[in-house]
Amino acid sequence: MNYNDIIGTIGVGLILLAYFFNTFWLIPKEGKLFFSMNIIGAGLACYASFLINYVPFIILEGVWCLVSIAGFIKLLYKTN
């Protein structure tokens, strides 16, 4: 397994864990942990896609990361 495989696997793993935890009510869908896992996971998956020059997933994971950042910011303003 090379560097981009490791980075991509960690990123996708974090996204899937966030989804799993949310589906089984282990974390709230509008919680800091959920958004953090998605931001980090999508960011890593986007980076790994960039390393292998796979544009469709660069776009997918980049947008996923940006939307998660927006959700996190919205949550921060909502709780203050």
Protein backbone atom coordinates (compact mmCIF):
# COMPACT_ATOMS: atom_id res chain seq x y z
CA MET A 1 0.00 0.00 0.00
CA ASN A 2 1.50 3.34 -1.01
CA TYR A 3 1.14 6.82 0.47
CA ASN A 4 -1.92 7.94 -1.50
CA ASP A 5 -3.69 4.64 -0.72
CA ILE A 6 -3.09 5.10 3.01
CA ILE A 7 -4.27 8.74 2.98
CA GLY A 8 -7.34 7.86 0.90
CA THR A 9 -8.22 4.88 3.09
CA ILE A 10 -8.02 6.94 6.28
CA GLY A 11 -10.13 9.70 4.69
CA VAL A 12 -12.84 7.40 3.37
CA GLY A 13 -12.78 5.47 6.65
CA LEU A 14 -13.50 8.63 8.63
CA ILE A 15 -16.41 9.55 6.35
CA LEU A 16 -17.87 6.05 6.64
CA LEU A 17 -17.43 6.00 10.43
CA ALA A 18 -19.22 9.35 10.72
CA TYR A 19 -22.08 7.99 8.61
CA PHE A 20 -22.23 4.74 10.61
CA PHE A 21 -22.15 6.54 13.97
CA ASN A 22 -24.87 8.92 12.82
CA THR A 23 -27.06 6.17 11.38
CA PHE A 24 -27.03 4.25 14.66
CA TRP A 25 -27.51 7.37 16.80
CA LEU A 26 -24.05 7.19 18.35
CA ILE A 27 -23.34 10.82 17.45
CA PRO A 28 -25.73 13.65 16.52
CA LYS A 29 -25.89 14.63 12.85
CA GLU A 30 -25.42 18.26 13.78
CA GLY A 31 -22.60 17.70 16.24
CA LYS A 32 -19.03 18.91 16.16
CA LEU A 33 -17.65 15.37 15.96
CA PHE A 34 -19.79 14.51 12.92
CA PHE A 35 -18.70 17.60 11.01
CA SER A 36 -15.07 17.23 12.09
CA MET A 37 -14.92 13.63 10.89
CA ASN A 38 -16.43 14.65 7.56
CA ILE A 39 -14.11 17.64 7.12
CA ILE A 40 -10.96 15.67 7.87
CA GLY A 41 -12.11 12.58 5.99
CA ALA A 42 -13.19 14.44 2.87
CA GLY A 43 -10.07 16.59 2.97
CA LEU A 44 -7.83 13.51 3.09
CA ALA A 45 -9.82 11.73 0.38
CA CYS A 46 -9.67 14.85 -1.80
CA TYR A 47 -5.91 15.07 -1.30
CA ALA A 48 -5.48 11.38 -2.16
CA SER A 49 -7.59 11.87 -5.31
CA PHE A 50 -5.42 14.85 -6.22
CA LEU A 51 -2.30 12.71 -5.82
CA ILE A 52 -3.60 10.21 -8.38
CA ASN A 53 -5.09 12.98 -10.54
CA TYR A 54 -8.66 11.63 -10.42
CA VAL A 55 -10.73 14.73 -11.09
CA PRO A 56 -14.26 13.37 -10.41
CA PHE A 57 -13.34 12.50 -6.83
CA ILE A 58 -11.34 15.67 -6.34
CA ILE A 59 -14.57 17.53 -7.09
CA LEU A 60 -16.76 15.19 -5.00
CA GLU A 61 -14.56 15.18 -1.93
CA GLY A 62 -13.69 18.87 -2.26
CA VAL A 63 -17.36 19.83 -2.28
CA TRP A 64 -18.06 17.38 0.57
CA CYS A 65 -15.33 19.05 2.61
CA LEU A 66 -16.59 22.58 1.86
CA VAL A 67 -20.19 21.69 2.72
CA SER A 68 -19.03 20.10 5.97
CA ILE A 69 -17.03 23.22 6.82
CA ALA A 70 -20.12 25.34 6.15
CA GLY A 71 -22.18 23.06 8.41
CA PHE A 72 -19.56 23.29 11.15
CA ILE A 73 -19.50 27.08 10.94
CA LYS A 74 -23.30 27.19 11.02
CA LEU A 75 -23.22 24.99 14.12
CA LEU A 76 -20.70 27.28 15.82
CA TYR A 77 -22.87 30.35 15.22
CA LYS A 78 -25.98 28.48 16.33
CA THR A 79 -24.47 27.45 19.67
CA ASN A 80 -23.11 30.93 20.51
